[in-house]
Amino acid sequence: MPRNKKPRYCREFGGFDLFKPSGIPLSQLELVEIDLDELEAMRLCDLEGLHQEQAAEAMKVSRGTVQRLLQSGRMKLLDVIFHGKGLVVRECDHVFIRPRGQGRHRHGRRPYHEPQ
């Protein structure tokens, strides 16, 4: 039996949770689920340009976990793009949402810590 996943801290995702190619009915599409933590790792590293170590610190996980999340998330995203599938963003029990503006040290803000 696999062990429970360590909590991961992600920014609130306020975007759409379903993406699909235009012109194809949803009922005819295969859907790929991407976990919120995979999306967060890609956002931090690919969109914001953080190093994996920095992303790991923000998400409160190891650099190896970020590396695995990036690999898995990128594979899913490329599968969706190249094979014309739909993409569903899935929230997970092991993901904690932190308020916007918290998690990285910016402008004197303190990092978010899960309440005790």
N, C-alpha and C. Protein backbone atom coordinates (compact mmCIF):
# COMPACT_ATOMS: atom_id res chain seq x y z
N MET A 1 0.84 -1.17 0.00
CA MET A 1 0.00 0.00 0.00
C MET A 1 0.89 1.25 0.00
N PRO A 2 0.68 2.17 -0.93
CA PRO A 2 1.53 3.36 -1.00
C PRO A 2 1.27 4.28 0.18
N ARG A 3 2.31 5.01 0.57
CA ARG A 3 2.16 5.95 1.68
C ARG A 3 1.41 7.19 1.21
N ASN A 4 0.87 7.93 2.17
CA ASN A 4 0.14 9.15 1.84
C ASN A 4 1.10 10.19 1.28
N LYS A 5 0.60 11.01 0.37
CA LYS A 5 1.43 12.05 -0.23
C LYS A 5 1.61 13.19 0.77
N LYS A 6 2.80 13.75 0.75
CA LYS A 6 3.11 14.89 1.60
C LYS A 6 2.27 16.09 1.12
N PRO A 7 1.78 16.91 2.04
CA PRO A 7 1.00 18.08 1.61
C PRO A 7 1.80 18.97 0.67
N ARG A 8 1.13 19.50 -0.32
CA ARG A 8 1.75 20.41 -1.28
C ARG A 8 0.96 21.71 -1.26
N TYR A 9 1.67 22.80 -1.30
CA TYR A 9 1.04 24.11 -1.22
C TYR A 9 1.01 24.74 -2.60
N CYS A 10 -0.18 25.11 -3.04
CA CYS A 10 -0.37 25.67 -4.37
C CYS A 10 -1.15 26.97 -4.28
N ARG A 11 -0.93 27.82 -5.26
CA ARG A 11 -1.70 29.05 -5.34
C ARG A 11 -3.11 28.70 -5.80
N GLU A 12 -4.05 29.49 -5.38
CA GLU A 12 -5.44 29.29 -5.79
C GLU A 12 -5.53 29.33 -7.32
N PHE A 13 -6.23 28.37 -7.88
CA PHE A 13 -6.41 28.32 -9.33
C PHE A 13 -7.80 28.84 -9.65
N GLY A 14 -7.85 30.05 -10.18
CA GLY A 14 -9.13 30.67 -10.46
C GLY A 14 -9.53 30.58 -11.92
N GLY A 15 -8.78 29.84 -12.70
CA GLY A 15 -9.07 29.74 -14.12
C GLY A 15 -10.10 28.67 -14.42
N PHE A 16 -10.24 28.38 -15.67
CA PHE A 16 -11.16 27.33 -16.10
C PHE A 16 -10.57 25.97 -15.72
N ASP A 17 -11.42 25.00 -15.44
CA ASP A 17 -10.92 23.68 -15.07
C ASP A 17 -11.10 22.65 -16.18
N LEU A 18 -11.56 23.11 -17.35
CA LEU A 18 -11.73 22.22 -18.50
C LEU A 18 -11.29 22.95 -19.76
N PHE A 19 -10.43 22.31 -20.53
CA PHE A 19 -9.96 22.86 -21.81
C PHE A 19 -10.15 21.79 -22.86
N LYS A 20 -10.59 22.20 -24.06
CA LYS A 20 -10.79 21.23 -25.13
C LYS A 20 -10.53 21.89 -26.47
N PRO A 21 -10.23 21.09 -27.48
CA PRO A 21 -10.05 21.66 -28.82
C PRO A 21 -11.38 22.21 -29.32
N SER A 22 -11.32 23.31 -30.03
CA SER A 22 -12.57 23.88 -30.57
C SER A 22 -13.10 23.02 -31.71
N GLY A 23 -14.40 23.01 -31.85
CA GLY A 23 -15.04 22.31 -32.95
C GLY A 23 -15.29 20.83 -32.72
N ILE A 24 -14.87 20.29 -31.60
CA ILE A 24 -15.09 18.88 -31.31
C ILE A 24 -15.96 18.79 -30.06
N PRO A 25 -17.09 18.11 -30.15
CA PRO A 25 -17.95 17.98 -28.96
C PRO A 25 -17.22 17.26 -27.82
N LEU A 26 -17.49 17.69 -26.62
CA LEU A 26 -16.86 17.11 -25.45
C LEU A 26 -17.12 15.62 -25.35
N SER A 27 -18.30 15.19 -25.78
CA SER A 27 -18.65 13.76 -25.70
C SER A 27 -17.77 12.89 -26.59
N GLN A 28 -17.10 13.49 -27.56
CA GLN A 28 -16.24 12.73 -28.48
C GLN A 28 -14.76 12.80 -28.10
N LEU A 29 -14.46 13.46 -27.00
CA LEU A 29 -13.06 13.65 -26.62
C LEU A 29 -12.64 12.71 -25.50
N GLU A 30 -11.40 12.28 -25.57
CA GLU A 30 -10.78 11.61 -24.44
C GLU A 30 -10.26 12.71 -23.52
N LEU A 31 -10.50 12.59 -22.24
CA LEU A 31 -10.07 13.61 -21.28
C LEU A 31 -8.84 13.15 -20.53
N VAL A 32 -7.92 14.07 -20.31
CA VAL A 32 -6.72 13.84 -19.52
C VAL A 32 -6.82 14.71 -18.28
N GLU A 33 -6.60 14.11 -17.10
CA GLU A 33 -6.66 14.86 -15.85
C GLU A 33 -5.26 15.29 -15.44
N ILE A 34 -5.11 16.57 -15.15
CA ILE A 34 -3.86 17.09 -14.62
C ILE A 34 -4.14 17.55 -13.20
N ASP A 35 -3.31 17.12 -12.27
CA ASP A 35 -3.50 17.48 -10.88
C ASP A 35 -3.05 18.92 -10.65
N LEU A 36 -3.66 19.56 -9.68
CA LEU A 36 -3.36 20.95 -9.38
C LEU A 36 -1.89 21.14 -9.00
N ASP A 37 -1.29 20.16 -8.33
CA ASP A 37 0.13 20.30 -7.96
C ASP A 37 1.05 20.21 -9.17
N GLU A 38 0.67 19.43 -10.18
CA GLU A 38 1.45 19.39 -11.43
C GLU A 38 1.38 20.74 -12.13
N LEU A 39 0.19 21.31 -12.17
CA LEU A 39 0.00 22.61 -12.79
C LEU A 39 0.77 23.70 -12.05
N GLU A 40 0.78 23.63 -10.72
CA GLU A 40 1.49 24.61 -9.91
C GLU A 40 2.99 24.52 -10.14
N ALA A 41 3.53 23.32 -10.23
CA ALA A 41 4.96 23.16 -10.49
C ALA A 41 5.32 23.76 -11.86
N MET A 42 4.49 23.53 -12.86
CA MET A 42 4.74 24.11 -14.19
C MET A 42 4.62 25.63 -14.15
N ARG A 43 3.65 26.13 -13.40
CA ARG A 43 3.48 27.59 -13.30
C ARG A 43 4.73 28.22 -12.68
N LEU A 44 5.19 27.64 -11.59
CA LEU A 44 6.34 28.21 -10.89
C LEU A 44 7.61 28.14 -11.73
N CYS A 45 7.87 26.99 -12.33
CA CYS A 45 9.12 26.80 -13.08
C CYS A 45 9.07 27.36 -14.50
N ASP A 46 8.00 27.08 -15.21
CA ASP A 46 7.94 27.45 -16.62
C ASP A 46 7.40 28.86 -16.86
N LEU A 47 6.41 29.26 -16.10
CA LEU A 47 5.81 30.57 -16.30
C LEU A 47 6.54 31.66 -15.52
N GLU A 48 6.84 31.39 -14.25
CA GLU A 48 7.51 32.39 -13.42
C GLU A 48 9.03 32.30 -13.47
N GLY A 49 9.55 31.23 -14.06
CA GLY A 49 10.99 31.09 -14.24
C GLY A 49 11.79 30.75 -12.99
N LEU A 50 11.13 30.15 -12.01
CA LEU A 50 11.86 29.75 -10.80
C LEU A 50 12.67 28.48 -11.07
N HIS A 51 13.75 28.33 -10.34
CA HIS A 51 14.49 27.08 -10.38
C HIS A 51 13.69 26.04 -9.60
N GLN A 52 13.96 24.77 -9.86
CA GLN A 52 13.23 23.70 -9.19
C GLN A 52 13.38 23.77 -7.67
N GLU A 53 14.53 24.19 -7.19
CA GLU A 53 14.74 24.30 -5.75
C GLU A 53 13.81 25.37 -5.16
N GLN A 54 13.67 26.49 -5.87
CA GLN A 54 12.80 27.57 -5.41
C GLN A 54 11.34 27.14 -5.44
N ALA A 55 10.95 26.44 -6.49
CA ALA A 55 9.57 25.95 -6.59
C ALA A 55 9.29 24.95 -5.48
N ALA A 56 10.26 24.10 -5.19
CA ALA A 56 10.09 23.11 -4.12
C ALA A 56 9.89 23.80 -2.77
N GLU A 57 10.64 24.84 -2.53
CA GLU A 57 10.50 25.60 -1.29
C GLU A 57 9.11 26.22 -1.20
N ALA A 58 8.62 26.78 -2.29
CA ALA A 58 7.30 27.41 -2.30
C ALA A 58 6.19 26.40 -2.08
N MET A 59 6.37 25.19 -2.62
CA MET A 59 5.35 24.15 -2.49
C MET A 59 5.54 23.28 -1.26
N LYS A 60 6.63 23.48 -0.54
CA LYS A 60 6.96 22.72 0.67
C LYS A 60 7.15 21.22 0.39
N VAL A 61 7.84 20.93 -0.73
CA VAL A 61 8.17 19.56 -1.10
C VAL A 61 9.65 19.50 -1.50
N SER A 62 10.13 18.33 -1.83
CA SER A 62 11.52 18.19 -2.25
C SER A 62 11.67 18.59 -3.73
N ARG A 63 12.93 18.86 -4.11
CA ARG A 63 13.20 19.19 -5.50
C ARG A 63 12.87 18.00 -6.40
N GLY A 64 13.11 16.79 -5.91
CA GLY A 64 12.79 15.59 -6.68
C GLY A 64 11.29 15.48 -6.95
N THR A 65 10.48 15.87 -5.97
CA THR A 65 9.03 15.85 -6.17
C THR A 65 8.64 16.86 -7.24
N VAL A 66 9.22 18.05 -7.21
CA VAL A 66 8.94 19.05 -8.24
C VAL A 66 9.34 18.52 -9.61
N GLN A 67 10.49 17.87 -9.68
CA GLN A 67 10.96 17.31 -10.95
C GLN A 67 9.96 16.28 -11.48
N ARG A 68 9.45 15.41 -10.62
CA ARG A 68 8.46 14.41 -11.05
C ARG A 68 7.14 15.07 -11.46
N LEU A 69 6.72 16.10 -10.72
CA LEU A 69 5.49 16.82 -11.07
C LEU A 69 5.63 17.50 -12.43
N LEU A 70 6.78 18.10 -12.68
CA LEU A 70 7.03 18.75 -13.97
C LEU A 70 6.98 17.74 -15.11
N GLN A 71 7.66 16.62 -14.95
CA GLN A 71 7.70 15.61 -15.99
C GLN A 71 6.30 15.08 -16.28
N SER A 72 5.56 14.75 -15.25
CA SER A 72 4.22 14.21 -15.41
C SER A 72 3.27 15.25 -16.03
N GLY A 73 3.30 16.47 -15.51
CA GLY A 73 2.43 17.53 -16.02
C GLY A 73 2.72 17.88 -17.46
N ARG A 74 4.00 17.99 -17.80
CA ARG A 74 4.38 18.32 -19.19
C ARG A 74 3.97 17.21 -20.16
N MET A 75 4.14 15.95 -19.74
CA MET A 75 3.73 14.83 -20.59
C MET A 75 2.23 14.88 -20.86
N LYS A 76 1.45 15.15 -19.82
CA LYS A 76 -0.01 15.23 -19.99
C LYS A 76 -0.38 16.38 -20.90
N LEU A 77 0.25 17.54 -20.70
CA LEU A 77 -0.06 18.71 -21.52
C LEU A 77 0.28 18.45 -22.99
N LEU A 78 1.43 17.85 -23.25
CA LEU A 78 1.81 17.55 -24.63
C LEU A 78 0.90 16.50 -25.25
N ASP A 79 0.47 15.52 -24.46
CA ASP A 79 -0.48 14.51 -24.95
C ASP A 79 -1.77 15.19 -25.39
N VAL A 80 -2.25 16.13 -24.59
CA VAL A 80 -3.48 16.85 -24.92
C VAL A 80 -3.31 17.65 -26.22
N ILE A 81 -2.21 18.37 -26.33
CA ILE A 81 -1.99 19.23 -27.50
C ILE A 81 -1.81 18.41 -28.78
N PHE A 82 -0.94 17.42 -28.72
CA PHE A 82 -0.61 16.69 -29.94
C PHE A 82 -1.63 15.64 -30.35
N HIS A 83 -2.45 15.18 -29.41
CA HIS A 83 -3.43 14.16 -29.74
C HIS A 83 -4.87 14.66 -29.69
N GLY A 84 -5.05 15.96 -29.55
CA GLY A 84 -6.39 16.55 -29.61
C GLY A 84 -7.32 16.07 -28.53
N LYS A 85 -6.84 15.99 -27.31
CA LYS A 85 -7.66 15.54 -26.18
C LYS A 85 -8.11 16.73 -25.36
N GLY A 86 -9.03 16.49 -24.44
CA GLY A 86 -9.46 17.52 -23.50
C GLY A 86 -8.61 17.44 -22.24
N LEU A 87 -8.54 18.56 -21.52
CA LEU A 87 -7.75 18.62 -20.29
C LEU A 87 -8.64 19.07 -19.14
N VAL A 88 -8.60 18.31 -18.04
CA VAL A 88 -9.36 18.63 -16.85
C VAL A 88 -8.39 18.88 -15.71
N VAL A 89 -8.52 20.04 -15.04
CA VAL A 89 -7.69 20.35 -13.87
C VAL A 89 -8.39 19.78 -12.66
N ARG A 90 -7.66 18.93 -11.93
CA ARG A 90 -8.25 18.20 -10.80
C ARG A 90 -7.62 18.64 -9.49
N GLU A 91 -8.47 18.97 -8.51
CA GLU A 91 -7.97 19.26 -7.17
C GLU A 91 -7.75 17.94 -6.44
N CYS A 92 -6.80 17.94 -5.51
CA CYS A 92 -6.44 16.71 -4.79
C CYS A 92 -6.50 16.96 -3.29
N ASP A 93 -6.69 15.88 -2.53
CA ASP A 93 -6.75 15.98 -1.08
C ASP A 93 -5.44 16.43 -0.46
N HIS A 94 -4.31 16.13 -1.10
CA HIS A 94 -3.01 16.45 -0.53
C HIS A 94 -2.53 17.86 -0.90
N VAL A 95 -3.38 18.63 -1.58
CA VAL A 95 -3.02 19.99 -1.99
C VAL A 95 -3.71 21.00 -1.08
N PHE A 96 -2.91 21.91 -0.52
CA PHE A 96 -3.43 22.99 0.30
C PHE A 96 -3.33 24.28 -0.51
N ILE A 97 -4.40 25.03 -0.53
CA ILE A 97 -4.43 26.28 -1.28
C ILE A 97 -3.99 27.41 -0.37
N ARG A 98 -3.00 28.17 -0.84
CA ARG A 98 -2.57 29.33 -0.07
C ARG A 98 -3.13 30.59 -0.74
N PRO A 99 -3.44 31.59 0.04
CA PRO A 99 -3.97 32.83 -0.54
C PRO A 99 -2.97 33.45 -1.52
N ARG A 100 -3.49 34.18 -2.49
CA ARG A 100 -2.61 34.84 -3.46
C ARG A 100 -1.67 35.80 -2.75
N GLY A 101 -0.45 35.90 -3.29
CA GLY A 101 0.53 36.80 -2.71
C GLY A 101 1.32 36.20 -1.58
N GLN A 102 1.06 34.93 -1.24
CA GLN A 102 1.82 34.30 -0.17
C GLN A 102 2.55 33.10 -0.72
N GLY A 103 3.60 32.72 -0.04
CA GLY A 103 4.34 31.53 -0.44
C GLY A 103 5.76 31.85 -0.83
N ARG A 104 5.99 32.98 -1.48
CA ARG A 104 7.35 33.41 -1.80
C ARG A 104 7.60 34.70 -1.05
N HIS A 105 8.84 34.95 -0.71
CA HIS A 105 9.18 36.17 0.02
C HIS A 105 9.18 37.34 -0.96
N ARG A 106 8.15 38.16 -0.90
CA ARG A 106 8.06 39.34 -1.75
C ARG A 106 7.58 40.50 -0.89
N HIS A 107 8.22 41.61 -1.05
CA HIS A 107 7.78 42.84 -0.41
C HIS A 107 7.52 42.66 1.07
N GLY A 108 8.35 41.88 1.75
CA GLY A 108 8.26 41.72 3.19
C GLY A 108 7.13 40.80 3.67
N ARG A 109 6.45 40.13 2.77
CA ARG A 109 5.40 39.22 3.20
C ARG A 109 6.01 37.95 3.75
N ARG A 110 5.36 37.38 4.73
CA ARG A 110 5.83 36.14 5.33
C ARG A 110 5.21 34.96 4.60
N PRO A 111 5.91 33.84 4.51
CA PRO A 111 5.36 32.67 3.83
C PRO A 111 4.17 32.10 4.58
N TYR A 112 3.27 31.47 3.85
CA TYR A 112 2.07 30.86 4.41
C TYR A 112 2.45 29.56 5.10
N HIS A 113 1.91 29.36 6.27
CA HIS A 113 2.08 28.10 6.99
C HIS A 113 0.71 27.57 7.31
N GLU A 114 0.54 26.27 7.17
CA GLU A 114 -0.73 25.63 7.48
C GLU A 114 -1.07 25.86 8.95
N PRO A 115 -2.31 26.26 9.26
CA PRO A 115 -2.69 26.46 10.66
C PRO A 115 -2.52 25.17 11.46
N GLN A 116 -2.12 25.29 12.71
CA GLN A 116 -1.92 24.13 13.57
C GLN A 116 -3.21 23.63 14.12
